[in-house]
Amino acid sequence: MTKFAVTLSLIVFLASVAAAQTKIKATALCPPSNPSYLIRVGDDPGHAYGMTQGTCEWTTPWEIAGVKNTVGVGTQIQHIKGDTLRAHGTFVDTMTNGDKVSINFEFTLVTTSAGARIEGHKWEFVGGTGKLVGIKGQGTCDAKPVGTDGTFNYECEGQYTLPKS
């Protein structure tokens, strides 16, 4: 095969993969987690591990395979060192038809005198039920505090693919 044919084949393949992905965008309001557990390590007053679970409501839902999401529950493990919290976990999103989608996520929360900010929030679809079995995709969220009680407004975007039926 010539170099030109290989390059052309690669371009056609990448275009077909990109065309198969569907973009999504949504906004969620997430109040402080409850329950929330914290275990201090003991080597430094600001060093601890935490585990939390919280519910988020989609104020502007995304739509996957013609079905919108309504509410989700996020469970996370946290490593806290001083004013930096690194978190990872799983968010289980419930759709209007009862299907569920599981999303792994990670982010860093930094607290300063100016307030808290979330950095590097990445997520990835890792499973689904019903119409969402076999979902793949990823994206990012931009989170901003709402007030001072620990509530955050998340603006999330990304893309997904579903297996062909």
N, C-alpha and C. Protein backbone atom coordinates (compact mmCIF):
# COMPACT_ATOMS: atom_id res chain seq x y z
N MET A 1 0.85 -1.17 0.00
CA MET A 1 0.00 0.00 0.00
C MET A 1 0.90 1.24 0.00
N THR A 2 0.55 2.23 -0.77
CA THR A 2 1.36 3.43 -0.83
C THR A 2 1.14 4.28 0.41
N LYS A 3 2.07 5.17 0.62
CA LYS A 3 1.97 6.08 1.77
C LYS A 3 0.70 6.92 1.67
N PHE A 4 0.33 7.35 0.48
CA PHE A 4 -0.87 8.14 0.26
C PHE A 4 -2.12 7.34 0.62
N ALA A 5 -2.17 6.09 0.22
CA ALA A 5 -3.35 5.24 0.51
C ALA A 5 -3.49 5.00 2.01
N VAL A 6 -2.38 4.79 2.69
CA VAL A 6 -2.42 4.58 4.13
C VAL A 6 -2.93 5.85 4.83
N THR A 7 -2.40 7.00 4.42
CA THR A 7 -2.82 8.27 5.01
C THR A 7 -4.29 8.52 4.75
N LEU A 8 -4.76 8.28 3.55
CA LEU A 8 -6.16 8.47 3.20
C LEU A 8 -7.05 7.53 4.02
N SER A 9 -6.65 6.28 4.17
CA SER A 9 -7.42 5.32 4.96
C SER A 9 -7.52 5.78 6.41
N LEU A 10 -6.43 6.28 6.95
CA LEU A 10 -6.43 6.76 8.33
C LEU A 10 -7.36 7.96 8.49
N ILE A 11 -7.34 8.88 7.55
CA ILE A 11 -8.22 10.06 7.60
C ILE A 11 -9.68 9.63 7.54
N VAL A 12 -10.02 8.71 6.67
CA VAL A 12 -11.41 8.23 6.55
C VAL A 12 -11.83 7.55 7.85
N PHE A 13 -10.95 6.72 8.43
CA PHE A 13 -11.26 6.03 9.69
C PHE A 13 -11.50 7.04 10.81
N LEU A 14 -10.61 8.01 10.97
CA LEU A 14 -10.76 9.00 12.04
C LEU A 14 -12.02 9.84 11.85
N ALA A 15 -12.36 10.17 10.63
CA ALA A 15 -13.59 10.92 10.36
C ALA A 15 -14.82 10.11 10.74
N SER A 16 -14.81 8.80 10.48
CA SER A 16 -15.96 7.98 10.82
C SER A 16 -16.09 7.82 12.32
N VAL A 17 -14.97 7.73 13.04
CA VAL A 17 -15.02 7.64 14.50
C VAL A 17 -15.56 8.95 15.08
N ALA A 18 -15.06 10.07 14.60
CA ALA A 18 -15.51 11.37 15.10
C ALA A 18 -16.99 11.58 14.82
N ALA A 19 -17.47 11.16 13.67
CA ALA A 19 -18.87 11.33 13.32
C ALA A 19 -19.78 10.48 14.19
N ALA A 20 -19.28 9.37 14.72
CA ALA A 20 -20.10 8.48 15.53
C ALA A 20 -20.29 9.01 16.95
N GLN A 21 -19.50 9.97 17.36
CA GLN A 21 -19.63 10.51 18.71
C GLN A 21 -20.70 11.60 18.73
N THR A 22 -21.53 11.58 19.78
CA THR A 22 -22.57 12.58 19.94
C THR A 22 -22.18 13.50 21.09
N LYS A 23 -22.19 14.80 20.83
CA LYS A 23 -21.84 15.77 21.86
C LYS A 23 -23.02 15.96 22.82
N ILE A 24 -22.68 16.17 24.10
CA ILE A 24 -23.70 16.44 25.12
C ILE A 24 -23.21 17.56 26.02
N LYS A 25 -24.18 18.25 26.62
CA LYS A 25 -23.88 19.36 27.52
C LYS A 25 -25.01 19.45 28.53
N ALA A 26 -24.67 19.70 29.80
CA ALA A 26 -25.70 19.77 30.84
C ALA A 26 -25.21 20.60 32.02
N THR A 27 -26.15 20.96 32.90
CA THR A 27 -25.84 21.71 34.11
C THR A 27 -26.51 21.03 35.29
N ALA A 28 -25.76 20.87 36.39
CA ALA A 28 -26.29 20.24 37.60
C ALA A 28 -26.00 21.11 38.81
N LEU A 29 -26.91 21.06 39.78
CA LEU A 29 -26.73 21.74 41.05
C LEU A 29 -26.50 20.66 42.12
N CYS A 30 -25.36 20.76 42.82
CA CYS A 30 -24.97 19.74 43.79
C CYS A 30 -24.75 20.36 45.16
N PRO A 31 -25.70 20.13 46.09
CA PRO A 31 -25.52 20.62 47.46
C PRO A 31 -24.44 19.81 48.18
N PRO A 32 -24.04 20.22 49.38
CA PRO A 32 -23.02 19.48 50.12
C PRO A 32 -23.40 18.01 50.29
N SER A 33 -22.40 17.15 50.26
CA SER A 33 -22.61 15.71 50.37
C SER A 33 -23.13 15.33 51.76
N ASN A 34 -23.96 14.29 51.77
CA ASN A 34 -24.47 13.74 53.01
C ASN A 34 -24.83 12.30 52.76
N PRO A 35 -24.14 11.34 53.33
CA PRO A 35 -23.20 11.44 54.44
C PRO A 35 -21.80 11.84 53.98
N SER A 36 -21.01 12.23 54.98
CA SER A 36 -19.63 12.60 54.74
C SER A 36 -18.80 12.11 55.93
N TYR A 37 -17.74 11.36 55.65
CA TYR A 37 -16.89 10.80 56.69
C TYR A 37 -15.46 11.29 56.50
N LEU A 38 -14.79 11.53 57.61
CA LEU A 38 -13.42 12.02 57.57
C LEU A 38 -12.59 11.28 58.61
N ILE A 39 -11.45 10.79 58.20
CA ILE A 39 -10.51 10.14 59.11
C ILE A 39 -9.18 10.88 59.03
N ARG A 40 -8.76 11.42 60.12
CA ARG A 40 -7.49 12.15 60.17
C ARG A 40 -6.34 11.15 60.22
N VAL A 41 -5.28 11.44 59.47
CA VAL A 41 -4.12 10.55 59.40
C VAL A 41 -3.29 10.65 60.67
N GLY A 42 -3.09 11.85 61.19
CA GLY A 42 -2.34 12.02 62.43
C GLY A 42 -0.93 12.54 62.27
N ASP A 43 -0.42 12.58 61.05
CA ASP A 43 0.94 13.08 60.85
C ASP A 43 0.98 14.59 60.69
N ASP A 44 -0.13 15.19 60.35
CA ASP A 44 -0.22 16.62 60.08
C ASP A 44 -1.69 17.00 60.30
N PRO A 45 -1.98 18.12 60.95
CA PRO A 45 -3.39 18.47 61.23
C PRO A 45 -4.26 18.58 59.97
N GLY A 46 -3.66 18.88 58.82
CA GLY A 46 -4.43 19.02 57.59
C GLY A 46 -4.43 17.80 56.69
N HIS A 47 -4.02 16.65 57.22
CA HIS A 47 -3.94 15.43 56.39
C HIS A 47 -5.04 14.47 56.81
N ALA A 48 -5.91 14.09 55.84
CA ALA A 48 -7.04 13.21 56.15
C ALA A 48 -7.50 12.49 54.89
N TYR A 49 -8.28 11.45 55.12
CA TYR A 49 -8.98 10.76 54.04
C TYR A 49 -10.46 10.89 54.30
N GLY A 50 -11.22 11.00 53.23
CA GLY A 50 -12.66 11.15 53.38
C GLY A 50 -13.43 10.29 52.41
N MET A 51 -14.68 10.09 52.74
CA MET A 51 -15.61 9.39 51.84
C MET A 51 -16.95 10.13 51.95
N THR A 52 -17.51 10.47 50.82
CA THR A 52 -18.78 11.20 50.81
C THR A 52 -19.72 10.64 49.76
N GLN A 53 -21.00 10.97 49.93
CA GLN A 53 -21.99 10.64 48.92
C GLN A 53 -22.98 11.79 48.87
N GLY A 54 -23.31 12.22 47.67
CA GLY A 54 -24.22 13.34 47.52
C GLY A 54 -25.07 13.20 46.27
N THR A 55 -26.17 13.92 46.26
CA THR A 55 -27.12 13.89 45.15
C THR A 55 -27.08 15.21 44.40
N CYS A 56 -27.09 15.12 43.07
CA CYS A 56 -27.11 16.30 42.21
C CYS A 56 -28.37 16.26 41.35
N GLU A 57 -28.98 17.43 41.17
CA GLU A 57 -30.16 17.56 40.30
C GLU A 57 -29.74 18.27 39.03
N TRP A 58 -30.16 17.73 37.89
CA TRP A 58 -29.81 18.33 36.61
C TRP A 58 -30.79 19.45 36.33
N THR A 59 -30.31 20.70 36.35
CA THR A 59 -31.16 21.85 36.06
C THR A 59 -31.32 22.03 34.55
N THR A 60 -30.30 21.64 33.80
CA THR A 60 -30.37 21.56 32.34
C THR A 60 -29.84 20.17 31.98
N PRO A 61 -30.74 19.20 31.75
CA PRO A 61 -30.28 17.83 31.52
C PRO A 61 -29.63 17.65 30.15
N TRP A 62 -28.78 16.60 30.07
CA TRP A 62 -28.31 16.18 28.77
C TRP A 62 -29.21 15.07 28.29
N GLU A 63 -29.11 14.76 27.03
CA GLU A 63 -29.96 13.73 26.43
C GLU A 63 -29.06 12.69 25.77
N ILE A 64 -29.30 11.44 26.15
CA ILE A 64 -28.54 10.32 25.59
C ILE A 64 -29.53 9.34 25.00
N ALA A 65 -29.37 9.02 23.73
CA ALA A 65 -30.26 8.07 23.02
C ALA A 65 -31.72 8.49 23.17
N GLY A 66 -31.97 9.80 23.15
CA GLY A 66 -33.34 10.31 23.22
C GLY A 66 -33.92 10.36 24.62
N VAL A 67 -33.12 10.10 25.65
CA VAL A 67 -33.62 10.09 27.03
C VAL A 67 -32.81 11.09 27.85
N LYS A 68 -33.51 11.93 28.64
CA LYS A 68 -32.83 12.93 29.47
C LYS A 68 -32.52 12.38 30.85
N ASN A 69 -31.47 12.93 31.47
CA ASN A 69 -31.16 12.55 32.84
C ASN A 69 -31.91 13.46 33.81
N THR A 70 -32.13 12.96 35.03
CA THR A 70 -32.89 13.73 36.01
C THR A 70 -32.09 14.01 37.28
N VAL A 71 -31.54 12.95 37.86
CA VAL A 71 -30.86 13.09 39.14
C VAL A 71 -29.74 12.05 39.20
N GLY A 72 -28.70 12.35 39.96
CA GLY A 72 -27.60 11.40 40.08
C GLY A 72 -27.04 11.40 41.48
N VAL A 73 -26.40 10.30 41.83
CA VAL A 73 -25.76 10.16 43.14
C VAL A 73 -24.28 9.90 42.91
N GLY A 74 -23.46 10.75 43.51
CA GLY A 74 -22.02 10.62 43.39
C GLY A 74 -21.42 10.12 44.70
N THR A 75 -20.56 9.12 44.61
CA THR A 75 -19.85 8.58 45.76
C THR A 75 -18.36 8.76 45.49
N GLN A 76 -17.65 9.37 46.46
CA GLN A 76 -16.25 9.68 46.20
C GLN A 76 -15.35 9.40 47.39
N ILE A 77 -14.11 9.10 47.06
CA ILE A 77 -13.02 8.95 48.02
C ILE A 77 -12.17 10.21 47.89
N GLN A 78 -11.74 10.75 49.03
CA GLN A 78 -10.98 11.99 49.02
C GLN A 78 -9.65 11.83 49.75
N HIS A 79 -8.62 12.46 49.24
CA HIS A 79 -7.34 12.58 49.94
C HIS A 79 -7.14 14.06 50.17
N ILE A 80 -7.09 14.45 51.43
CA ILE A 80 -7.00 15.85 51.80
C ILE A 80 -5.62 16.11 52.40
N LYS A 81 -4.96 17.11 51.88
CA LYS A 81 -3.63 17.51 52.38
C LYS A 81 -3.62 19.03 52.39
N GLY A 82 -3.74 19.61 53.59
CA GLY A 82 -3.78 21.06 53.70
C GLY A 82 -5.04 21.61 53.06
N ASP A 83 -4.88 22.54 52.13
CA ASP A 83 -6.04 23.16 51.48
C ASP A 83 -6.35 22.54 50.11
N THR A 84 -5.80 21.33 49.86
CA THR A 84 -6.05 20.64 48.59
C THR A 84 -6.72 19.29 48.84
N LEU A 85 -7.80 19.07 48.14
CA LEU A 85 -8.54 17.81 48.22
C LEU A 85 -8.54 17.17 46.84
N ARG A 86 -8.06 15.94 46.74
CA ARG A 86 -8.10 15.20 45.47
C ARG A 86 -9.18 14.13 45.62
N ALA A 87 -10.10 14.10 44.67
CA ALA A 87 -11.24 13.17 44.77
C ALA A 87 -11.36 12.34 43.51
N HIS A 88 -11.84 11.11 43.69
CA HIS A 88 -12.23 10.27 42.57
C HIS A 88 -13.41 9.43 43.05
N GLY A 89 -14.24 9.05 42.10
CA GLY A 89 -15.40 8.27 42.49
C GLY A 89 -16.25 7.89 41.30
N THR A 90 -17.49 7.52 41.62
CA THR A 90 -18.45 7.11 40.60
C THR A 90 -19.76 7.85 40.81
N PHE A 91 -20.33 8.34 39.72
CA PHE A 91 -21.60 9.04 39.72
C PHE A 91 -22.59 8.16 38.97
N VAL A 92 -23.70 7.81 39.60
CA VAL A 92 -24.72 6.99 38.96
C VAL A 92 -25.89 7.90 38.61
N ASP A 93 -26.09 8.09 37.32
CA ASP A 93 -27.09 9.02 36.80
C ASP A 93 -28.36 8.25 36.43
N THR A 94 -29.50 8.73 36.88
CA THR A 94 -30.79 8.11 36.55
C THR A 94 -31.47 8.91 35.45
N MET A 95 -31.93 8.20 34.43
CA MET A 95 -32.58 8.82 33.29
C MET A 95 -34.10 8.83 33.50
N THR A 96 -34.82 9.62 32.71
CA THR A 96 -36.27 9.74 32.89
C THR A 96 -37.00 8.41 32.67
N ASN A 97 -36.43 7.49 31.90
CA ASN A 97 -37.08 6.20 31.66
C ASN A 97 -36.66 5.13 32.68
N GLY A 98 -35.82 5.51 33.68
CA GLY A 98 -35.36 4.57 34.69
C GLY A 98 -34.01 3.94 34.40
N ASP A 99 -33.52 4.06 33.16
CA ASP A 99 -32.18 3.56 32.86
C ASP A 99 -31.16 4.32 33.71
N LYS A 100 -30.01 3.68 33.90
CA LYS A 100 -28.94 4.31 34.67
C LYS A 100 -27.64 4.27 33.85
N VAL A 101 -26.79 5.24 34.11
CA VAL A 101 -25.47 5.28 33.51
C VAL A 101 -24.46 5.56 34.62
N SER A 102 -23.35 4.82 34.60
CA SER A 102 -22.29 4.99 35.60
C SER A 102 -21.15 5.80 35.00
N ILE A 103 -20.67 6.76 35.79
CA ILE A 103 -19.65 7.69 35.32
C ILE A 103 -18.54 7.76 36.36
N ASN A 104 -17.32 7.41 35.98
CA ASN A 104 -16.18 7.61 36.87
C ASN A 104 -15.69 9.05 36.71
N PHE A 105 -15.26 9.66 37.81
CA PHE A 105 -14.80 11.06 37.76
C PHE A 105 -13.60 11.26 38.67
N GLU A 106 -12.91 12.36 38.43
CA GLU A 106 -11.82 12.80 39.30
C GLU A 106 -11.70 14.31 39.19
N PHE A 107 -11.27 14.93 40.30
CA PHE A 107 -11.06 16.37 40.30
C PHE A 107 -10.20 16.74 41.51
N THR A 108 -9.76 17.99 41.53
CA THR A 108 -9.04 18.56 42.66
C THR A 108 -9.80 19.79 43.12
N LEU A 109 -10.03 19.89 44.44
CA LEU A 109 -10.66 21.07 45.03
C LEU A 109 -9.59 21.80 45.84
N VAL A 110 -9.43 23.08 45.55
CA VAL A 110 -8.43 23.90 46.24
C VAL A 110 -9.19 24.99 47.00
N THR A 111 -8.87 25.13 48.28
CA THR A 111 -9.50 26.16 49.10
C THR A 111 -8.48 27.25 49.39
N THR A 112 -8.88 28.49 49.11
CA THR A 112 -8.02 29.65 49.40
C THR A 112 -8.85 30.67 50.17
N SER A 113 -8.24 31.77 50.53
CA SER A 113 -8.98 32.83 51.23
C SER A 113 -10.09 33.41 50.34
N ALA A 114 -9.95 33.25 49.04
CA ALA A 114 -10.97 33.75 48.09
C ALA A 114 -12.12 32.75 47.93
N GLY A 115 -12.01 31.55 48.50
CA GLY A 115 -13.06 30.54 48.38
C GLY A 115 -12.53 29.25 47.79
N ALA A 116 -13.44 28.35 47.47
CA ALA A 116 -13.09 27.04 46.93
C ALA A 116 -13.23 27.04 45.42
N ARG A 117 -12.34 26.29 44.75
CA ARG A 117 -12.47 26.13 43.30
C ARG A 117 -12.13 24.68 42.95
N ILE A 118 -12.83 24.17 41.96
CA ILE A 118 -12.59 22.82 41.48
C ILE A 118 -11.80 22.90 40.19
N GLU A 119 -10.73 22.10 40.12
CA GLU A 119 -9.85 22.09 38.95
C GLU A 119 -9.79 20.69 38.35
N GLY A 120 -9.57 20.63 37.06
CA GLY A 120 -9.29 19.36 36.37
C GLY A 120 -10.39 18.31 36.51
N HIS A 121 -11.65 18.73 36.51
CA HIS A 121 -12.75 17.76 36.65
C HIS A 121 -12.94 17.01 35.33
N LYS A 122 -12.59 15.72 35.35
CA LYS A 122 -12.74 14.86 34.17
C LYS A 122 -13.70 13.73 34.52
N TRP A 123 -14.44 13.25 33.53
CA TRP A 123 -15.34 12.12 33.74
C TRP A 123 -15.33 11.19 32.54
N GLU A 124 -15.80 9.93 32.78
CA GLU A 124 -15.83 8.92 31.72
C GLU A 124 -17.00 7.96 31.98
N PHE A 125 -17.81 7.72 30.95
CA PHE A 125 -18.87 6.71 31.06
C PHE A 125 -18.22 5.34 31.18
N VAL A 126 -18.70 4.53 32.15
CA VAL A 126 -18.13 3.20 32.35
C VAL A 126 -19.18 2.09 32.34
N GLY A 127 -20.45 2.44 32.15
CA GLY A 127 -21.48 1.40 32.08
C GLY A 127 -22.86 2.01 32.04
N GLY A 128 -23.82 1.18 31.66
CA GLY A 128 -25.19 1.64 31.61
C GLY A 128 -26.17 0.48 31.57
N THR A 129 -27.44 0.80 31.79
CA THR A 129 -28.50 -0.20 31.72
C THR A 129 -29.48 0.17 30.62
N GLY A 130 -30.32 -0.79 30.22
CA GLY A 130 -31.34 -0.52 29.21
C GLY A 130 -30.75 -0.03 27.90
N LYS A 131 -31.23 1.12 27.43
CA LYS A 131 -30.74 1.70 26.18
C LYS A 131 -29.29 2.14 26.23
N LEU A 132 -28.72 2.19 27.46
CA LEU A 132 -27.37 2.72 27.64
C LEU A 132 -26.30 1.66 27.83
N VAL A 133 -26.67 0.39 27.65
CA VAL A 133 -25.68 -0.69 27.76
C VAL A 133 -24.61 -0.48 26.70
N GLY A 134 -23.35 -0.53 27.11
CA GLY A 134 -22.23 -0.39 26.19
C GLY A 134 -21.83 1.04 25.89
N ILE A 135 -22.39 2.02 26.61
CA ILE A 135 -22.05 3.41 26.36
C ILE A 135 -20.57 3.66 26.63
N LYS A 136 -19.97 4.49 25.82
CA LYS A 136 -18.58 4.93 25.97
C LYS A 136 -18.56 6.43 25.78
N GLY A 137 -17.66 7.09 26.45
CA GLY A 137 -17.54 8.53 26.27
C GLY A 137 -16.82 9.17 27.43
N GLN A 138 -16.54 10.44 27.30
CA GLN A 138 -15.84 11.18 28.32
C GLN A 138 -16.08 12.66 28.14
N GLY A 139 -15.64 13.42 29.16
CA GLY A 139 -15.79 14.86 29.09
C GLY A 139 -15.21 15.54 30.30
N THR A 140 -15.59 16.80 30.49
CA THR A 140 -15.10 17.61 31.59
C THR A 140 -16.27 18.38 32.20
N CYS A 141 -16.06 18.87 33.40
CA CYS A 141 -17.03 19.75 34.06
C CYS A 141 -16.30 20.98 34.58
N ASP A 142 -16.99 22.09 34.53
CA ASP A 142 -16.52 23.32 35.15
C ASP A 142 -17.45 23.57 36.33
N ALA A 143 -16.93 23.65 37.54
CA ALA A 143 -17.75 23.79 38.73
C ALA A 143 -17.47 25.11 39.43
N LYS A 144 -18.55 25.78 39.82
CA LYS A 144 -18.42 27.04 40.53
C LYS A 144 -19.26 26.98 41.80
N PRO A 145 -18.73 27.52 42.92
CA PRO A 145 -19.52 27.53 44.15
C PRO A 145 -20.75 28.42 44.02
N VAL A 146 -21.82 28.02 44.68
CA VAL A 146 -23.04 28.81 44.76
C VAL A 146 -23.24 29.13 46.24
N GLY A 147 -23.02 30.35 46.64
CA GLY A 147 -23.11 30.71 48.05
C GLY A 147 -21.90 30.21 48.82
N THR A 148 -22.08 30.02 50.14
CA THR A 148 -20.97 29.62 51.00
C THR A 148 -21.23 28.31 51.73
N ASP A 149 -22.30 27.59 51.39
CA ASP A 149 -22.63 26.36 52.13
C ASP A 149 -22.02 25.09 51.54
N GLY A 150 -21.23 25.21 50.46
CA GLY A 150 -20.63 24.03 49.83
C GLY A 150 -21.38 23.54 48.61
N THR A 151 -22.42 24.26 48.19
CA THR A 151 -23.16 23.90 46.97
C THR A 151 -22.36 24.35 45.76
N PHE A 152 -22.32 23.47 44.73
CA PHE A 152 -21.62 23.79 43.49
C PHE A 152 -22.56 23.65 42.31
N ASN A 153 -22.36 24.50 41.32
CA ASN A 153 -23.06 24.42 40.04
C ASN A 153 -22.06 23.85 39.02
N TYR A 154 -22.40 22.71 38.44
CA TYR A 154 -21.52 22.03 37.49
C TYR A 154 -22.03 22.23 36.07
N GLU A 155 -21.17 22.69 35.19
CA GLU A 155 -21.47 22.75 33.76
C GLU A 155 -20.59 21.69 33.10
N CYS A 156 -21.24 20.65 32.60
CA CYS A 156 -20.52 19.50 32.06
C CYS A 156 -20.75 19.36 30.57
N GLU A 157 -19.72 18.90 29.87
CA GLU A 157 -19.83 18.64 28.44
C GLU A 157 -18.93 17.48 28.08
N GLY A 158 -19.24 16.88 26.97
CA GLY A 158 -18.44 15.75 26.49
C GLY A 158 -19.08 15.13 25.28
N GLN A 159 -18.78 13.85 25.09
CA GLN A 159 -19.36 13.12 23.95
C GLN A 159 -19.53 11.66 24.35
N TYR A 160 -20.40 10.98 23.61
CA TYR A 160 -20.62 9.56 23.88
C TYR A 160 -20.87 8.82 22.57
N THR A 161 -20.70 7.51 22.64
CA THR A 161 -21.09 6.61 21.55
C THR A 161 -21.82 5.43 22.20
N LEU A 162 -22.73 4.87 21.45
CA LEU A 162 -23.45 3.66 21.85
C LEU A 162 -23.20 2.59 20.79
N PRO A 163 -23.17 1.33 21.22
CA PRO A 163 -22.99 0.27 20.21
C PRO A 163 -24.15 0.26 19.23
N LYS A 164 -23.86 -0.13 18.02
CA LYS A 164 -24.92 -0.23 17.00
C LYS A 164 -25.81 -1.41 17.36
N SER A 165 -27.13 -1.19 17.26
CA SER A 165 -28.05 -2.29 17.60
C SER A 165 -28.28 -3.23 16.46
